[in-house]
Amino acid sequence: MSQLVNCKACGKEIAKGVKKCPHCGKDQRNFFGRHKILTAIIALVIIGGIAAAGGENEPKKVGENNTATTSTSNVENKKAETKIFKVGDVVQLNDFKITVNKVYTVKGDDFAKPKDGNEFVAIDCTVENISDKEQVVSSIVMFKVVDKDGRACEYSLTGQTAAKAGQMDGTVGAGRKMTGVYVVEVPKGTTGLELEFNSSLLTGGQVIVKLN
């Protein structure tokens, strides 16, 4: 004879292990049993948190590219306490070293040009894989440019074409580097732009570089 328990809703006796009460229809499973997908997501977040606690997920400056140039005056790193870096800094985060080499505007041509009143801003970057295994770099996932109010600037495939430079997408072998540009379209003269580089969605950590 099967063991009997009381229904969580109506209190009547039911067989232990049944999913629903035959009397009132109440689901007898716990939260994790009813939400398996959400449980899997929570597990991934916890695993990611554990990995982050054991690794270096805080960006740190490990060098400087003295040849770095920008179309505006050099930006002083006045917010070191908030880990905001400047063009030319070599910053280490988790499995990567990220360097913004230079920032410049792209004029475009008759076939690839910005909208009236806008301009293409190209961010020339180098990403170095310092881990012992191949890593994937994705401009859509890892890169974002925001203005002084934190609004995300629109990535421009047209501007990318006009820049005639490699994209920041693909695999990078252990100890190898990838250099290319990430292009956004913004109103002319926009200042206060910052590049946000996220090395991983799970382990966290972000590099912020002031562009102008």
N, C-alpha and C. Protein backbone atom coordinates (compact mmCIF):
# COMPACT_ATOMS: atom_id res chain seq x y z
N MET A 1 0.84 -1.20 0.00
CA MET A 1 0.00 0.00 0.00
C MET A 1 0.87 1.24 0.00
N SER A 2 0.57 2.17 -0.85
CA SER A 2 1.40 3.35 -0.98
C SER A 2 1.23 4.27 0.23
N GLN A 3 2.27 4.97 0.57
CA GLN A 3 2.24 5.89 1.70
C GLN A 3 1.35 7.09 1.36
N LEU A 4 0.57 7.54 2.32
CA LEU A 4 -0.33 8.65 2.10
C LEU A 4 0.18 9.91 2.78
N VAL A 5 -0.07 11.05 2.12
CA VAL A 5 0.27 12.36 2.68
C VAL A 5 -0.94 13.25 2.48
N ASN A 6 -0.93 14.40 3.13
CA ASN A 6 -2.02 15.35 3.00
C ASN A 6 -1.76 16.33 1.85
N CYS A 7 -2.78 16.65 1.06
CA CYS A 7 -2.67 17.65 -0.01
C CYS A 7 -2.33 19.01 0.58
N LYS A 8 -1.44 19.75 -0.07
CA LYS A 8 -1.01 21.06 0.41
C LYS A 8 -2.14 22.09 0.36
N ALA A 9 -3.15 21.83 -0.47
CA ALA A 9 -4.23 22.81 -0.63
C ALA A 9 -5.49 22.41 0.14
N CYS A 10 -6.05 21.23 -0.17
CA CYS A 10 -7.33 20.85 0.44
C CYS A 10 -7.18 20.01 1.69
N GLY A 11 -5.98 19.44 1.93
CA GLY A 11 -5.73 18.69 3.14
C GLY A 11 -6.15 17.24 3.10
N LYS A 12 -6.76 16.81 2.00
CA LYS A 12 -7.20 15.42 1.91
C LYS A 12 -6.01 14.51 1.65
N GLU A 13 -6.18 13.23 2.04
CA GLU A 13 -5.10 12.27 1.86
C GLU A 13 -4.94 11.89 0.39
N ILE A 14 -3.68 11.88 -0.04
CA ILE A 14 -3.35 11.49 -1.41
C ILE A 14 -2.10 10.63 -1.37
N ALA A 15 -1.83 9.91 -2.45
CA ALA A 15 -0.64 9.07 -2.51
C ALA A 15 0.61 9.94 -2.59
N LYS A 16 1.62 9.56 -1.85
CA LYS A 16 2.88 10.29 -1.87
C LYS A 16 3.54 10.20 -3.24
N GLY A 17 3.98 11.33 -3.78
CA GLY A 17 4.69 11.34 -5.06
C GLY A 17 3.84 11.74 -6.24
N VAL A 18 2.51 11.86 -6.05
CA VAL A 18 1.68 12.28 -7.18
C VAL A 18 1.92 13.75 -7.49
N LYS A 19 1.81 14.12 -8.77
CA LYS A 19 2.08 15.50 -9.18
C LYS A 19 0.90 16.42 -8.86
N LYS A 20 -0.32 15.91 -9.01
CA LYS A 20 -1.50 16.72 -8.76
C LYS A 20 -2.47 15.99 -7.83
N CYS A 21 -3.13 16.77 -6.99
CA CYS A 21 -4.13 16.21 -6.08
C CYS A 21 -5.34 15.77 -6.91
N PRO A 22 -5.79 14.52 -6.75
CA PRO A 22 -6.96 14.04 -7.51
C PRO A 22 -8.27 14.67 -7.04
N HIS A 23 -8.22 15.32 -5.89
CA HIS A 23 -9.43 15.94 -5.35
C HIS A 23 -9.61 17.38 -5.80
N CYS A 24 -8.53 18.20 -5.66
CA CYS A 24 -8.64 19.63 -5.99
C CYS A 24 -7.79 20.06 -7.17
N GLY A 25 -6.89 19.18 -7.64
CA GLY A 25 -6.07 19.51 -8.80
C GLY A 25 -4.83 20.33 -8.49
N LYS A 26 -4.55 20.58 -7.20
CA LYS A 26 -3.39 21.38 -6.81
C LYS A 26 -2.08 20.66 -7.15
N ASP A 27 -1.14 21.38 -7.79
CA ASP A 27 0.19 20.83 -8.13
C ASP A 27 0.96 20.61 -6.83
N GLN A 28 1.42 19.39 -6.59
CA GLN A 28 2.10 19.05 -5.34
C GLN A 28 3.62 19.19 -5.42
N ARG A 29 4.14 19.48 -6.60
CA ARG A 29 5.60 19.62 -6.75
C ARG A 29 6.10 20.90 -6.11
N ASN A 30 7.38 20.91 -5.72
CA ASN A 30 7.95 22.13 -5.14
C ASN A 30 8.29 23.11 -6.26
N PHE A 31 8.81 24.27 -5.88
CA PHE A 31 9.11 25.34 -6.85
C PHE A 31 10.06 24.85 -7.94
N PHE A 32 11.11 24.13 -7.57
CA PHE A 32 12.11 23.70 -8.54
C PHE A 32 11.55 22.64 -9.49
N GLY A 33 10.62 21.82 -8.98
CA GLY A 33 10.00 20.82 -9.83
C GLY A 33 9.07 21.43 -10.86
N ARG A 34 8.41 22.55 -10.47
CA ARG A 34 7.47 23.20 -11.39
C ARG A 34 8.17 24.09 -12.39
N HIS A 35 9.38 24.57 -12.09
CA HIS A 35 10.08 25.53 -12.95
C HIS A 35 11.48 25.00 -13.26
N LYS A 36 11.53 23.97 -14.10
CA LYS A 36 12.82 23.32 -14.39
C LYS A 36 13.76 24.23 -15.18
N ILE A 37 13.22 24.98 -16.14
CA ILE A 37 14.08 25.86 -16.94
C ILE A 37 14.67 26.96 -16.07
N LEU A 38 13.84 27.58 -15.24
CA LEU A 38 14.32 28.63 -14.35
C LEU A 38 15.35 28.09 -13.37
N THR A 39 15.13 26.85 -12.90
CA THR A 39 16.08 26.22 -12.00
C THR A 39 17.44 26.05 -12.67
N ALA A 40 17.42 25.66 -13.96
CA ALA A 40 18.67 25.49 -14.70
C ALA A 40 19.40 26.81 -14.84
N ILE A 41 18.63 27.90 -15.09
CA ILE A 41 19.24 29.22 -15.23
C ILE A 41 19.88 29.65 -13.91
N ILE A 42 19.15 29.44 -12.81
CA ILE A 42 19.68 29.80 -11.49
C ILE A 42 20.97 29.03 -11.20
N ALA A 43 21.00 27.76 -11.59
CA ALA A 43 22.20 26.94 -11.37
C ALA A 43 23.38 27.49 -12.15
N LEU A 44 23.13 27.93 -13.39
CA LEU A 44 24.21 28.50 -14.20
C LEU A 44 24.73 29.78 -13.58
N VAL A 45 23.83 30.61 -13.07
CA VAL A 45 24.25 31.87 -12.44
C VAL A 45 25.10 31.60 -11.20
N ILE A 46 24.69 30.60 -10.39
CA ILE A 46 25.45 30.25 -9.20
C ILE A 46 26.84 29.74 -9.56
N ILE A 47 26.89 28.88 -10.61
CA ILE A 47 28.19 28.36 -11.06
C ILE A 47 29.07 29.50 -11.56
N GLY A 48 28.45 30.43 -12.31
CA GLY A 48 29.20 31.58 -12.79
C GLY A 48 29.73 32.42 -11.66
N GLY A 49 28.91 32.58 -10.59
CA GLY A 49 29.34 33.36 -9.44
C GLY A 49 30.50 32.72 -8.72
N ILE A 50 30.45 31.39 -8.61
CA ILE A 50 31.56 30.67 -7.98
C ILE A 50 32.84 30.83 -8.78
N ALA A 51 32.71 30.74 -10.12
CA ALA A 51 33.88 30.90 -10.99
C ALA A 51 34.45 32.31 -10.86
N ALA A 52 33.55 33.29 -10.76
CA ALA A 52 34.00 34.68 -10.64
C ALA A 52 34.74 34.90 -9.34
N ALA A 53 34.25 34.27 -8.25
CA ALA A 53 34.87 34.44 -6.95
C ALA A 53 36.27 33.88 -6.94
N GLY A 54 36.52 32.86 -7.76
CA GLY A 54 37.83 32.24 -7.77
C GLY A 54 38.75 32.80 -8.82
N GLY A 55 38.28 33.69 -9.67
CA GLY A 55 39.12 34.22 -10.74
C GLY A 55 39.30 35.72 -10.63
N GLU A 56 39.95 36.29 -11.62
CA GLU A 56 40.20 37.73 -11.63
C GLU A 56 39.18 38.38 -12.55
N ASN A 57 38.08 38.84 -11.97
CA ASN A 57 37.05 39.45 -12.80
C ASN A 57 37.01 40.95 -12.60
N GLU A 58 38.06 41.51 -12.01
CA GLU A 58 38.18 42.96 -11.89
C GLU A 58 39.25 43.43 -12.87
N PRO A 59 38.93 44.42 -13.72
CA PRO A 59 39.92 44.89 -14.69
C PRO A 59 41.06 45.62 -14.01
N LYS A 60 42.27 45.47 -14.55
CA LYS A 60 43.41 46.19 -14.02
C LYS A 60 44.34 46.58 -15.16
N LYS A 61 44.93 47.75 -15.03
CA LYS A 61 45.86 48.23 -16.06
C LYS A 61 47.17 47.50 -15.92
N VAL A 62 47.64 46.91 -17.02
CA VAL A 62 48.89 46.16 -16.99
C VAL A 62 49.93 46.74 -17.95
N GLY A 63 49.59 47.81 -18.65
CA GLY A 63 50.53 48.42 -19.57
C GLY A 63 49.92 49.61 -20.26
N GLU A 64 50.67 50.17 -21.20
CA GLU A 64 50.18 51.32 -21.94
C GLU A 64 50.77 51.32 -23.33
N ASN A 65 49.93 51.59 -24.31
CA ASN A 65 50.38 51.67 -25.70
C ASN A 65 50.77 53.11 -25.99
N ASN A 66 52.06 53.40 -26.00
CA ASN A 66 52.52 54.78 -26.15
C ASN A 66 52.27 55.35 -27.53
N THR A 67 51.93 54.49 -28.49
CA THR A 67 51.67 54.98 -29.85
C THR A 67 50.20 55.29 -30.06
N ALA A 68 49.39 55.10 -29.03
CA ALA A 68 47.95 55.32 -29.17
C ALA A 68 47.66 56.77 -29.49
N THR A 69 46.69 56.97 -30.38
CA THR A 69 46.28 58.32 -30.74
C THR A 69 44.77 58.39 -30.73
N THR A 70 44.25 59.60 -30.62
CA THR A 70 42.82 59.82 -30.69
C THR A 70 42.57 61.11 -31.43
N SER A 71 41.41 61.24 -32.04
CA SER A 71 41.10 62.42 -32.83
C SER A 71 40.86 63.64 -31.97
N THR A 72 40.75 63.45 -30.64
CA THR A 72 40.59 64.57 -29.72
C THR A 72 41.78 64.60 -28.79
N SER A 73 41.80 65.52 -27.86
CA SER A 73 42.91 65.64 -26.92
C SER A 73 42.96 64.39 -26.05
N ASN A 74 44.18 64.09 -25.50
CA ASN A 74 44.34 62.91 -24.66
C ASN A 74 43.43 63.01 -23.45
N VAL A 75 42.86 61.87 -23.08
CA VAL A 75 41.92 61.83 -21.97
C VAL A 75 42.66 61.37 -20.71
N GLU A 76 42.58 62.18 -19.66
CA GLU A 76 43.22 61.83 -18.40
C GLU A 76 42.33 60.83 -17.66
N ASN A 77 42.98 59.88 -17.01
CA ASN A 77 42.23 58.87 -16.25
C ASN A 77 41.94 59.41 -14.86
N LYS A 78 40.92 60.28 -14.78
CA LYS A 78 40.61 60.95 -13.52
C LYS A 78 39.68 60.12 -12.64
N LYS A 79 39.17 58.98 -13.18
CA LYS A 79 38.22 58.20 -12.41
C LYS A 79 38.75 56.79 -12.18
N ALA A 80 40.04 56.72 -11.80
CA ALA A 80 40.65 55.41 -11.61
C ALA A 80 39.91 54.61 -10.56
N GLU A 81 39.32 55.31 -9.57
CA GLU A 81 38.63 54.60 -8.52
C GLU A 81 37.39 53.87 -9.05
N THR A 82 36.84 54.30 -10.17
CA THR A 82 35.70 53.61 -10.78
C THR A 82 36.15 52.74 -11.95
N LYS A 83 37.44 52.56 -12.04
CA LYS A 83 38.04 51.70 -13.07
C LYS A 83 37.64 52.13 -14.48
N ILE A 84 37.78 53.41 -14.74
CA ILE A 84 37.59 53.93 -16.09
C ILE A 84 38.97 54.21 -16.67
N PHE A 85 39.26 53.58 -17.81
CA PHE A 85 40.59 53.66 -18.39
C PHE A 85 40.57 54.61 -19.58
N LYS A 86 41.73 54.85 -20.16
CA LYS A 86 41.84 55.78 -21.28
C LYS A 86 42.41 55.07 -22.50
N VAL A 87 42.31 55.74 -23.63
CA VAL A 87 42.84 55.21 -24.88
C VAL A 87 44.35 54.95 -24.71
N GLY A 88 44.78 53.76 -25.07
CA GLY A 88 46.19 53.40 -24.95
C GLY A 88 46.50 52.49 -23.78
N ASP A 89 45.61 52.45 -22.77
CA ASP A 89 45.84 51.57 -21.62
C ASP A 89 45.64 50.11 -22.03
N VAL A 90 46.53 49.25 -21.54
CA VAL A 90 46.38 47.81 -21.73
C VAL A 90 45.73 47.27 -20.45
N VAL A 91 44.52 46.78 -20.58
CA VAL A 91 43.74 46.38 -19.40
C VAL A 91 43.50 44.87 -19.41
N GLN A 92 43.80 44.23 -18.29
CA GLN A 92 43.61 42.78 -18.18
C GLN A 92 42.30 42.49 -17.45
N LEU A 93 41.51 41.56 -18.00
CA LEU A 93 40.25 41.13 -17.38
C LEU A 93 40.00 39.68 -17.74
N ASN A 94 39.99 38.82 -16.71
CA ASN A 94 39.75 37.39 -16.91
C ASN A 94 40.71 36.82 -17.95
N ASP A 95 40.20 36.33 -19.07
CA ASP A 95 41.04 35.65 -20.07
C ASP A 95 41.60 36.59 -21.13
N PHE A 96 41.38 37.90 -20.98
CA PHE A 96 41.75 38.83 -22.05
C PHE A 96 42.57 40.02 -21.56
N LYS A 97 43.32 40.57 -22.50
CA LYS A 97 43.87 41.92 -22.37
C LYS A 97 43.24 42.74 -23.49
N ILE A 98 42.67 43.88 -23.15
CA ILE A 98 41.98 44.72 -24.12
C ILE A 98 42.67 46.07 -24.18
N THR A 99 42.93 46.55 -25.41
CA THR A 99 43.55 47.85 -25.62
C THR A 99 42.78 48.61 -26.69
N VAL A 100 42.35 49.84 -26.37
CA VAL A 100 41.80 50.73 -27.39
C VAL A 100 42.97 51.50 -27.96
N ASN A 101 43.35 51.22 -29.19
CA ASN A 101 44.53 51.81 -29.80
C ASN A 101 44.31 53.26 -30.23
N LYS A 102 43.15 53.53 -30.85
CA LYS A 102 42.84 54.88 -31.31
C LYS A 102 41.36 55.01 -31.61
N VAL A 103 40.91 56.25 -31.66
CA VAL A 103 39.52 56.55 -31.97
C VAL A 103 39.53 57.58 -33.10
N TYR A 104 38.75 57.34 -34.15
CA TYR A 104 38.75 58.27 -35.27
C TYR A 104 37.40 58.26 -35.97
N THR A 105 37.15 59.30 -36.74
CA THR A 105 35.89 59.37 -37.49
C THR A 105 36.12 58.82 -38.90
N VAL A 106 35.08 58.23 -39.45
CA VAL A 106 35.12 57.65 -40.80
C VAL A 106 34.19 58.46 -41.69
N LYS A 107 34.73 59.01 -42.77
CA LYS A 107 33.93 59.86 -43.66
C LYS A 107 32.92 59.07 -44.48
N GLY A 108 33.30 57.90 -44.91
CA GLY A 108 32.42 57.11 -45.76
C GLY A 108 32.50 57.57 -47.20
N ASP A 109 31.58 57.06 -48.03
CA ASP A 109 31.56 57.42 -49.44
C ASP A 109 30.11 57.47 -49.92
N ASP A 110 29.90 57.53 -51.21
CA ASP A 110 28.55 57.63 -51.75
C ASP A 110 27.68 56.41 -51.43
N PHE A 111 28.33 55.27 -51.21
CA PHE A 111 27.59 54.04 -50.96
C PHE A 111 27.48 53.71 -49.48
N ALA A 112 28.41 54.19 -48.69
CA ALA A 112 28.40 53.92 -47.25
C ALA A 112 28.69 55.22 -46.50
N LYS A 113 27.64 55.88 -46.11
CA LYS A 113 27.79 57.16 -45.41
C LYS A 113 26.75 57.28 -44.31
N PRO A 114 27.05 58.10 -43.28
CA PRO A 114 26.10 58.25 -42.17
C PRO A 114 24.91 59.12 -42.58
N LYS A 115 23.88 59.12 -41.76
CA LYS A 115 22.72 59.96 -41.99
C LYS A 115 23.12 61.44 -41.82
N ASP A 116 22.33 62.32 -42.39
CA ASP A 116 22.61 63.75 -42.27
C ASP A 116 22.69 64.14 -40.80
N GLY A 117 23.77 64.84 -40.46
CA GLY A 117 23.95 65.29 -39.08
C GLY A 117 24.66 64.29 -38.20
N ASN A 118 24.95 63.10 -38.73
CA ASN A 118 25.63 62.07 -37.96
C ASN A 118 27.04 61.84 -38.50
N GLU A 119 27.81 61.05 -37.77
CA GLU A 119 29.14 60.65 -38.21
C GLU A 119 29.45 59.26 -37.70
N PHE A 120 30.35 58.58 -38.41
CA PHE A 120 30.82 57.27 -37.98
C PHE A 120 32.02 57.46 -37.06
N VAL A 121 31.99 56.83 -35.90
CA VAL A 121 33.14 56.83 -34.99
C VAL A 121 33.67 55.41 -34.90
N ALA A 122 34.94 55.24 -35.25
CA ALA A 122 35.57 53.93 -35.25
C ALA A 122 36.49 53.79 -34.05
N ILE A 123 36.35 52.69 -33.34
CA ILE A 123 37.20 52.39 -32.18
C ILE A 123 38.11 51.23 -32.56
N ASP A 124 39.40 51.53 -32.74
CA ASP A 124 40.38 50.51 -33.12
C ASP A 124 40.85 49.81 -31.84
N CYS A 125 40.64 48.49 -31.77
CA CYS A 125 40.92 47.73 -30.56
C CYS A 125 41.81 46.51 -30.83
N THR A 126 42.53 46.10 -29.79
CA THR A 126 43.25 44.84 -29.81
C THR A 126 42.80 44.01 -28.62
N VAL A 127 42.41 42.77 -28.88
CA VAL A 127 42.03 41.84 -27.82
C VAL A 127 43.01 40.69 -27.84
N GLU A 128 43.68 40.46 -26.71
CA GLU A 128 44.66 39.37 -26.61
C GLU A 128 44.12 38.28 -25.70
N ASN A 129 44.19 37.05 -26.18
CA ASN A 129 43.77 35.89 -25.39
C ASN A 129 44.94 35.44 -24.53
N ILE A 130 44.84 35.64 -23.22
CA ILE A 130 45.93 35.27 -22.32
C ILE A 130 45.67 33.94 -21.61
N SER A 131 44.61 33.25 -22.02
CA SER A 131 44.32 31.95 -21.42
C SER A 131 45.09 30.86 -22.16
N ASP A 132 44.90 29.62 -21.70
CA ASP A 132 45.59 28.50 -22.34
C ASP A 132 44.71 27.73 -23.30
N LYS A 133 43.56 28.35 -23.69
CA LYS A 133 42.67 27.70 -24.65
C LYS A 133 42.05 28.74 -25.56
N GLU A 134 41.50 28.28 -26.67
CA GLU A 134 40.88 29.17 -27.66
C GLU A 134 39.68 29.89 -27.06
N GLN A 135 39.53 31.17 -27.41
CA GLN A 135 38.42 31.98 -26.91
C GLN A 135 37.65 32.58 -28.08
N VAL A 136 36.36 32.82 -27.88
CA VAL A 136 35.51 33.43 -28.89
C VAL A 136 35.32 34.91 -28.57
N VAL A 137 35.51 35.75 -29.58
CA VAL A 137 35.29 37.20 -29.44
C VAL A 137 34.08 37.57 -30.29
N SER A 138 33.12 38.24 -29.68
CA SER A 138 31.91 38.67 -30.37
C SER A 138 31.68 40.14 -30.13
N SER A 139 31.68 40.95 -31.19
CA SER A 139 31.48 42.39 -31.04
C SER A 139 30.09 42.69 -30.51
N ILE A 140 29.08 41.90 -30.90
CA ILE A 140 27.71 42.15 -30.47
C ILE A 140 27.55 41.88 -28.98
N VAL A 141 28.17 40.82 -28.48
CA VAL A 141 28.03 40.44 -27.08
C VAL A 141 28.99 41.21 -26.18
N MET A 142 30.23 41.43 -26.63
CA MET A 142 31.27 41.96 -25.75
C MET A 142 31.45 43.47 -25.82
N PHE A 143 31.06 44.11 -26.92
CA PHE A 143 31.33 45.54 -27.10
C PHE A 143 30.04 46.37 -27.06
N LYS A 144 30.15 47.53 -26.45
CA LYS A 144 29.06 48.50 -26.48
C LYS A 144 29.64 49.89 -26.24
N VAL A 145 29.15 50.87 -26.99
CA VAL A 145 29.55 52.26 -26.80
C VAL A 145 28.34 53.02 -26.25
N VAL A 146 28.57 53.78 -25.18
CA VAL A 146 27.49 54.56 -24.57
C VAL A 146 27.88 56.03 -24.55
N ASP A 147 26.86 56.92 -24.50
CA ASP A 147 27.15 58.34 -24.41
C ASP A 147 27.22 58.75 -22.94
N LYS A 148 27.35 60.04 -22.69
CA LYS A 148 27.55 60.54 -21.32
C LYS A 148 26.37 60.23 -20.40
N ASP A 149 25.21 59.97 -20.98
CA ASP A 149 24.02 59.63 -20.20
C ASP A 149 23.79 58.14 -20.09
N GLY A 150 24.73 57.35 -20.62
CA GLY A 150 24.60 55.90 -20.55
C GLY A 150 23.74 55.28 -21.62
N ARG A 151 23.36 56.07 -22.64
CA ARG A 151 22.55 55.52 -23.74
C ARG A 151 23.45 54.76 -24.71
N ALA A 152 23.02 53.57 -25.10
CA ALA A 152 23.81 52.78 -26.03
C ALA A 152 23.78 53.42 -27.41
N CYS A 153 24.95 53.54 -28.03
CA CYS A 153 25.05 54.08 -29.39
C CYS A 153 24.86 52.95 -30.40
N GLU A 154 24.29 53.29 -31.53
CA GLU A 154 23.95 52.28 -32.53
C GLU A 154 25.19 51.78 -33.27
N TYR A 155 25.38 50.45 -33.21
CA TYR A 155 26.44 49.85 -34.01
C TYR A 155 26.08 50.01 -35.48
N SER A 156 27.07 50.34 -36.32
CA SER A 156 26.81 50.60 -37.74
C SER A 156 27.57 49.63 -38.63
N LEU A 157 26.83 48.73 -39.27
CA LEU A 157 27.45 47.83 -40.24
C LEU A 157 27.89 48.62 -41.46
N THR A 158 27.13 49.67 -41.81
CA THR A 158 27.51 50.53 -42.94
C THR A 158 28.83 51.23 -42.63
N GLY A 159 28.95 51.75 -41.41
CA GLY A 159 30.19 52.39 -41.00
C GLY A 159 31.35 51.42 -40.95
N GLN A 160 31.06 50.18 -40.55
CA GLN A 160 32.09 49.14 -40.52
C GLN A 160 32.63 48.90 -41.92
N THR A 161 31.72 48.89 -42.90
CA THR A 161 32.14 48.71 -44.29
C THR A 161 32.96 49.90 -44.76
N ALA A 162 32.52 51.10 -44.39
CA ALA A 162 33.24 52.31 -44.80
C ALA A 162 34.63 52.39 -44.19
N ALA A 163 34.80 51.84 -42.99
CA ALA A 163 36.09 51.89 -42.30
C ALA A 163 37.13 51.00 -42.97
N LYS A 164 36.65 50.00 -43.73
CA LYS A 164 37.55 49.08 -44.44
C LYS A 164 38.58 48.46 -43.50
N ALA A 165 38.08 48.00 -42.35
CA ALA A 165 38.95 47.37 -41.35
C ALA A 165 38.25 46.14 -40.80
N GLY A 166 39.01 45.26 -40.22
CA GLY A 166 38.45 44.02 -39.72
C GLY A 166 37.50 44.21 -38.56
N GLN A 167 36.52 43.30 -38.44
CA GLN A 167 35.59 43.32 -37.33
C GLN A 167 36.18 42.59 -36.14
N MET A 168 35.61 42.86 -34.96
CA MET A 168 36.05 42.19 -33.74
C MET A 168 35.18 40.95 -33.49
N ASP A 169 35.28 40.00 -34.40
CA ASP A 169 34.50 38.78 -34.29
C ASP A 169 35.34 37.59 -34.74
N GLY A 170 35.20 36.48 -34.03
CA GLY A 170 35.91 35.27 -34.42
C GLY A 170 36.55 34.59 -33.23
N THR A 171 37.35 33.57 -33.51
CA THR A 171 38.05 32.85 -32.45
C THR A 171 39.50 33.31 -32.38
N VAL A 172 40.03 33.32 -31.15
CA VAL A 172 41.41 33.74 -30.92
C VAL A 172 42.11 32.61 -30.17
N GLY A 173 43.17 32.10 -30.75
CA GLY A 173 43.91 31.01 -30.12
C GLY A 173 44.63 31.46 -28.86
N ALA A 174 45.04 30.50 -28.05
CA ALA A 174 45.76 30.80 -26.82
C ALA A 174 47.01 31.62 -27.13
N GLY A 175 47.17 32.75 -26.44
CA GLY A 175 48.34 33.60 -26.64
C GLY A 175 48.30 34.44 -27.90
N ARG A 176 47.20 34.41 -28.63
CA ARG A 176 47.08 35.16 -29.88
C ARG A 176 46.29 36.45 -29.67
N LYS A 177 46.36 37.35 -30.68
CA LYS A 177 45.67 38.63 -30.61
C LYS A 177 44.72 38.80 -31.80
N MET A 178 43.73 39.66 -31.62
CA MET A 178 42.84 40.08 -32.69
C MET A 178 42.75 41.60 -32.65
N THR A 179 42.95 42.23 -33.80
CA THR A 179 42.84 43.68 -33.89
C THR A 179 41.85 44.05 -34.99
N GLY A 180 40.97 44.97 -34.68
CA GLY A 180 39.96 45.41 -35.64
C GLY A 180 39.28 46.66 -35.13
N VAL A 181 38.16 47.00 -35.73
CA VAL A 181 37.44 48.20 -35.31
C VAL A 181 35.99 47.88 -34.99
N TYR A 182 35.44 48.68 -34.11
CA TYR A 182 34.01 48.62 -33.77
C TYR A 182 33.48 50.01 -34.09
N VAL A 183 32.48 50.10 -34.98
CA VAL A 183 32.02 51.39 -35.50
C VAL A 183 30.59 51.68 -35.05
N VAL A 184 30.38 52.89 -34.54
CA VAL A 184 29.03 53.33 -34.17
C VAL A 184 28.70 54.61 -34.94
N GLU A 185 27.40 54.87 -35.08
CA GLU A 185 26.94 56.10 -35.72
C GLU A 185 26.32 56.99 -34.66
N VAL A 186 26.85 58.22 -34.54
CA VAL A 186 26.39 59.15 -33.51
C VAL A 186 26.21 60.53 -34.13
N PRO A 187 25.46 61.43 -33.46
CA PRO A 187 25.37 62.81 -33.94
C PRO A 187 26.76 63.45 -33.95
N LYS A 188 27.03 64.29 -34.93
CA LYS A 188 28.35 64.93 -35.04
C LYS A 188 28.69 65.69 -33.77
N GLY A 189 29.94 65.55 -33.36
CA GLY A 189 30.41 66.28 -32.19
C GLY A 189 30.04 65.68 -30.86
N THR A 190 29.50 64.46 -30.86
CA THR A 190 29.11 63.83 -29.60
C THR A 190 30.35 63.59 -28.72
N THR A 191 30.28 64.02 -27.48
CA THR A 191 31.38 63.82 -26.53
C THR A 191 30.92 62.93 -25.38
N GLY A 192 31.88 62.56 -24.55
CA GLY A 192 31.55 61.70 -23.41
C GLY A 192 31.32 60.26 -23.76
N LEU A 193 31.79 59.82 -24.91
CA LEU A 193 31.61 58.43 -25.33
C LEU A 193 32.53 57.50 -24.53
N GLU A 194 32.00 56.34 -24.20
CA GLU A 194 32.77 55.32 -23.49
C GLU A 194 32.54 53.95 -24.12
N LEU A 195 33.60 53.17 -24.18
CA LEU A 195 33.49 51.79 -24.65
C LEU A 195 33.36 50.88 -23.45
N GLU A 196 32.37 49.98 -23.47
CA GLU A 196 32.22 48.96 -22.44
C GLU A 196 32.55 47.61 -23.05
N PHE A 197 33.54 46.93 -22.46
CA PHE A 197 33.95 45.61 -22.92
C PHE A 197 33.62 44.60 -21.84
N ASN A 198 32.80 43.61 -22.17
CA ASN A 198 32.41 42.55 -21.23
C ASN A 198 33.05 41.25 -21.67
N SER A 199 33.93 40.71 -20.85
CA SER A 199 34.65 39.50 -21.25
C SER A 199 33.79 38.25 -21.13
N SER A 200 32.76 38.28 -20.26
CA SER A 200 31.91 37.11 -20.08
C SER A 200 30.59 37.52 -19.45
N LEU A 201 29.49 36.90 -19.90
CA LEU A 201 28.19 37.17 -19.32
C LEU A 201 28.00 36.44 -18.00
N LEU A 202 28.73 35.34 -17.79
CA LEU A 202 28.57 34.55 -16.59
C LEU A 202 29.46 35.01 -15.45
N THR A 203 30.76 35.21 -15.73
CA THR A 203 31.69 35.54 -14.66
C THR A 203 31.71 37.01 -14.32
N GLY A 204 31.11 37.85 -15.15
CA GLY A 204 31.05 39.27 -14.85
C GLY A 204 32.36 39.98 -15.13
N GLY A 205 32.43 41.25 -14.74
CA GLY A 205 33.62 42.05 -14.98
C GLY A 205 33.47 42.84 -16.24
N GLN A 206 33.90 44.10 -16.19
CA GLN A 206 33.73 44.98 -17.35
C GLN A 206 34.88 45.98 -17.41
N VAL A 207 35.35 46.23 -18.63
CA VAL A 207 36.36 47.27 -18.86
C VAL A 207 35.65 48.47 -19.47
N ILE A 208 35.85 49.64 -18.88
CA ILE A 208 35.27 50.88 -19.40
C ILE A 208 36.40 51.79 -19.83
N VAL A 209 36.37 52.21 -21.09
CA VAL A 209 37.42 53.07 -21.65
C VAL A 209 36.79 54.38 -22.14
N LYS A 210 37.27 55.50 -21.63
CA LYS A 210 36.78 56.80 -22.07
C LYS A 210 37.38 57.10 -23.43
N LEU A 211 36.51 57.42 -24.40
CA LEU A 211 36.95 57.58 -25.79
C LEU A 211 37.22 59.02 -26.19
N ASN A 212 36.48 59.98 -25.61
CA ASN A 212 36.71 61.40 -25.95
C ASN A 212 36.25 62.30 -24.81
